[in-house]
C-alpha atoms as a PDB file:
ATOM      1  CA  MET A   1      20.670  11.757 -30.966  1.00  0.00           C
ATOM      2  CA  THR A   2      20.549   9.276 -28.165  1.00  0.00           C
ATOM      3  CA  LYS A   3      17.492   7.676 -26.705  1.00  0.00           C
ATOM      4  CA  LYS A   4      17.827   9.752 -23.530  1.00  0.00           C
ATOM      5  CA  GLU A   5      17.820  12.942 -25.540  1.00  0.00           C
ATOM      6  CA  LEU A   6      14.747  11.895 -27.505  1.00  0.00           C
ATOM      7  CA  PHE A   7      12.876  10.596 -24.468  1.00  0.00           C
ATOM      8  CA  PRO A   8      14.013  12.430 -21.345  1.00  0.00           C
ATOM      9  CA  PRO A   9      12.973  10.798 -18.054  1.00  0.00           C
ATOM     10  CA  LYS A  10       9.773  12.047 -16.523  1.00  0.00           C
ATOM     11  CA  PRO A  11      10.140  13.940 -13.265  1.00  0.00           C
ATOM     12  CA  VAL A  12       9.184  11.884 -10.232  1.00  0.00           C
ATOM     13  CA  ASN A  13       6.582  13.545  -8.071  1.00  0.00           C
ATOM     14  CA  SER A  14       5.827  12.588  -4.495  1.00  0.00           C
ATOM     15  CA  ASN A  15       2.783  10.466  -5.382  1.00  0.00           C
ATOM     16  CA  ASN A  16       4.769   8.350  -7.840  1.00  0.00           C
ATOM     17  CA  GLN A  17       7.471   7.821  -5.218  1.00  0.00           C
ATOM     18  CA  ALA A  18       4.831   6.948  -2.621  1.00  0.00           C
ATOM     19  CA  ILE A  19       3.322   4.374  -4.996  1.00  0.00           C
ATOM     20  CA  VAL A  20       6.735   2.780  -5.504  1.00  0.00           C
ATOM     21  CA  ASP A  21       7.322   2.848  -1.736  1.00  0.00           C
ATOM     22  CA  MET A  22       4.014   1.057  -1.129  1.00  0.00           C
ATOM     23  CA  ILE A  23       4.828  -1.632  -3.666  1.00  0.00           C
ATOM     24  CA  GLU A  24       8.275  -2.070  -2.057  1.00  0.00           C
ATOM     25  CA  ILE A  25       6.602  -2.575   1.315  1.00  0.00           C
ATOM     26  CA  PHE A  26       4.427  -5.343  -0.127  1.00  0.00           C
ATOM     27  CA  ALA A  27       7.471  -6.865  -1.868  1.00  0.00           C
ATOM     28  CA  GLN A  28       8.651  -7.993   1.591  1.00  0.00           C
ATOM     29  CA  ILE A  29       5.895 -10.608   1.746  1.00  0.00           C
ATOM     30  CA  ASN A  30       5.116 -10.875  -1.965  1.00  0.00           C
ATOM     31  CA  PRO A  31       8.478 -10.767  -3.791  1.00  0.00           C
ATOM     32  CA  ALA A  32       6.904 -11.480  -7.187  1.00  0.00           C
ATOM     33  CA  ILE A  33       4.741  -8.342  -7.111  1.00  0.00           C
ATOM     34  CA  PRO A  34       5.166  -6.470 -10.411  1.00  0.00           C
ATOM     35  CA  TYR A  35       6.051  -2.783 -10.100  1.00  0.00           C
ATOM     36  CA  GLY A  36       4.502  -1.994 -13.468  1.00  0.00           C
ATOM     37  CA  HIS A  37       1.107  -3.601 -12.805  1.00  0.00           C
ATOM     38  CA  ARG A  38      -1.330  -0.853 -13.734  1.00  0.00           C
ATOM     39  CA  GLY A  39      -4.063  -2.068 -11.383  1.00  0.00           C
ATOM     40  CA  TYR A  40      -1.768  -2.113  -8.337  1.00  0.00           C
ATOM     41  CA  ARG A  41      -0.439   1.335  -9.167  1.00  0.00           C
ATOM     42  CA  ASN A  42      -3.950   2.758  -9.680  1.00  0.00           C
ATOM     43  CA  ASP A  43      -5.238   1.277  -6.428  1.00  0.00           C
ATOM     44  CA  ALA A  44      -2.218   2.609  -4.533  1.00  0.00           C
ATOM     45  CA  GLU A  45      -2.795   6.048  -6.053  1.00  0.00           C
ATOM     46  CA  VAL A  46      -6.498   6.041  -5.112  1.00  0.00           C
ATOM     47  CA  LEU A  47      -5.668   5.003  -1.555  1.00  0.00           C
ATOM     48  CA  ILE A  48      -2.984   7.704  -1.262  1.00  0.00           C
ATOM     49  CA  LYS A  49      -5.361  10.375  -2.566  1.00  0.00           C
ATOM     50  CA  THR A  50      -8.107   9.198  -0.210  1.00  0.00           C
ATOM     51  CA  VAL A  51      -6.262   8.892   3.109  1.00  0.00           C
ATOM     52  CA  GLY A  52      -2.937  10.616   2.456  1.00  0.00           C
ATOM     53  CA  VAL A  53       0.592   9.399   1.878  1.00  0.00           C
ATOM     54  CA  GLU A  54       1.614   8.832   5.499  1.00  0.00           C
ATOM     55  CA  LYS A  55      -1.527   6.927   6.497  1.00  0.00           C
ATOM     56  CA  ALA A  56      -1.495   4.789   3.329  1.00  0.00           C
ATOM     57  CA  LEU A  57       2.144   3.785   3.795  1.00  0.00           C
ATOM     58  CA  GLU A  58       1.599   3.086   7.488  1.00  0.00           C
ATOM     59  CA  ALA A  59      -1.413   0.916   6.634  1.00  0.00           C
ATOM     60  CA  ALA A  60       0.763  -1.055   4.201  1.00  0.00           C
ATOM     61  CA  ARG A  61       3.419  -1.528   6.911  1.00  0.00           C
ATOM     62  CA  VAL A  62       0.795  -2.725   9.396  1.00  0.00           C
ATOM     63  CA  ALA A  63      -0.688  -5.111   6.813  1.00  0.00           C
ATOM     64  CA  VAL A  64       2.734  -6.654   6.248  1.00  0.00           C
ATOM     65  CA  LYS A  65       3.481  -6.816   9.984  1.00  0.00           C
ATOM     66  CA  ILE A  66       0.257  -8.641  10.921  1.00  0.00           C
ATOM     67  CA  GLN A  67       0.388 -11.037   7.968  1.00  0.00           C
ATOM     68  CA  GLY A  68      -0.443 -14.538   9.180  1.00  0.00           C
ATOM     69  CA  ALA A  69      -1.859 -13.481  12.544  1.00  0.00           C
ATOM     70  CA  GLN A  70      -5.071 -15.149  13.607  1.00  0.00           C
ATOM     71  CA  PHE A  71      -8.183 -13.311  12.373  1.00  0.00           C
ATOM     72  CA  ALA A  72      -6.061 -10.701  10.555  1.00  0.00           C
ATOM     73  CA  PRO A  73      -7.199  -9.647   7.082  1.00  0.00           C
ATOM     74  CA  GLN A  74      -5.017 -11.197   4.387  1.00  0.00           C
ATOM     75  CA  ILE A  75      -3.526  -8.255   2.504  1.00  0.00           C
ATOM     76  CA  SER A  76      -0.562  -8.752   0.174  1.00  0.00           C
ATOM     77  CA  THR A  77      -1.169  -6.217  -2.630  1.00  0.00           C
ATOM     78  CA  PRO A  78      -2.228  -2.574  -2.909  1.00  0.00           C
ATOM     79  CA  THR A  79      -5.532  -3.747  -4.420  1.00  0.00           C
ATOM     80  CA  ALA A  80      -6.277  -5.911  -1.386  1.00  0.00           C
ATOM     81  CA  LEU A  81      -5.311  -3.019   0.890  1.00  0.00           C
ATOM     82  CA  ARG A  82      -7.705  -0.694  -0.912  1.00  0.00           C
ATOM     83  CA  HIS A  83     -10.596  -3.150  -0.612  1.00  0.00           C
ATOM     84  CA  LYS A  84      -9.836  -4.258   2.963  1.00  0.00           C
ATOM     85  CA  PHE A  85      -8.703  -0.942   4.433  1.00  0.00           C
ATOM     86  CA  GLY A  86     -11.666  -0.808   6.803  1.00  0.00           C
ATOM     87  CA  ASP A  87     -11.074  -4.399   7.918  1.00  0.00           C
ATOM     88  CA  LEU A  88      -7.438  -3.582   8.619  1.00  0.00           C
ATOM     89  CA  MET A  89      -8.308  -0.508  10.678  1.00  0.00           C
ATOM     90  CA  SER A  90     -10.877  -2.499  12.641  1.00  0.00           C
ATOM     91  CA  TYR A  91      -8.394  -5.300  13.341  1.00  0.00           C
ATOM     92  CA  TYR A  92      -5.724  -2.780  14.323  1.00  0.00           C
ATOM     93  CA  LYS A  93      -8.036  -1.030  16.772  1.00  0.00           C
ATOM     94  CA  ARG A  94      -9.182  -4.315  18.317  1.00  0.00           C
ATOM     95  CA  THR A  95      -5.803  -5.980  18.755  1.00  0.00           C
ATOM     96  CA  VAL A  96      -2.866  -3.601  18.489  1.00  0.00           C
ATOM     97  CA  MET A  97      -4.342  -0.596  20.218  1.00  0.00           C
ATOM     98  CA  GLY A  98      -6.331  -2.727  22.637  1.00  0.00           C
ATOM     99  CA  ARG A  99      -9.409  -0.570  22.300  1.00  0.00           C
ATOM    100  CA  THR A 100     -12.951  -1.655  21.802  1.00  0.00           C
ATOM    101  CA  VAL A 101     -15.155   0.542  19.709  1.00  0.00           C
ATOM    102  CA  GLU A 102     -18.753   0.920  20.812  1.00  0.00           C
ATOM    103  CA  ILE A 103     -21.392   1.070  18.134  1.00  0.00           C
END
């Protein structure tokens, strides 16, 4: 028996693929990011379950795009995105969309 027969690959569901996609997005600015880091994967999964796949991946793309801009939140990992998601949305609304939000 071969190793593949003893341990068949696990099926990839959409959440696992979305987690890998998010880590690949952050690999553009952080090439040393480990794909197997349990904390990054857990934080990406929590964010995807909370806001949905499309919004989580778009938030990661925006975080990478605004990296280094003045007053932009510094987000280079899924953990930072999870903790600074509100800051990112606020920055996006103020600068990219050009809207001001009244409190």
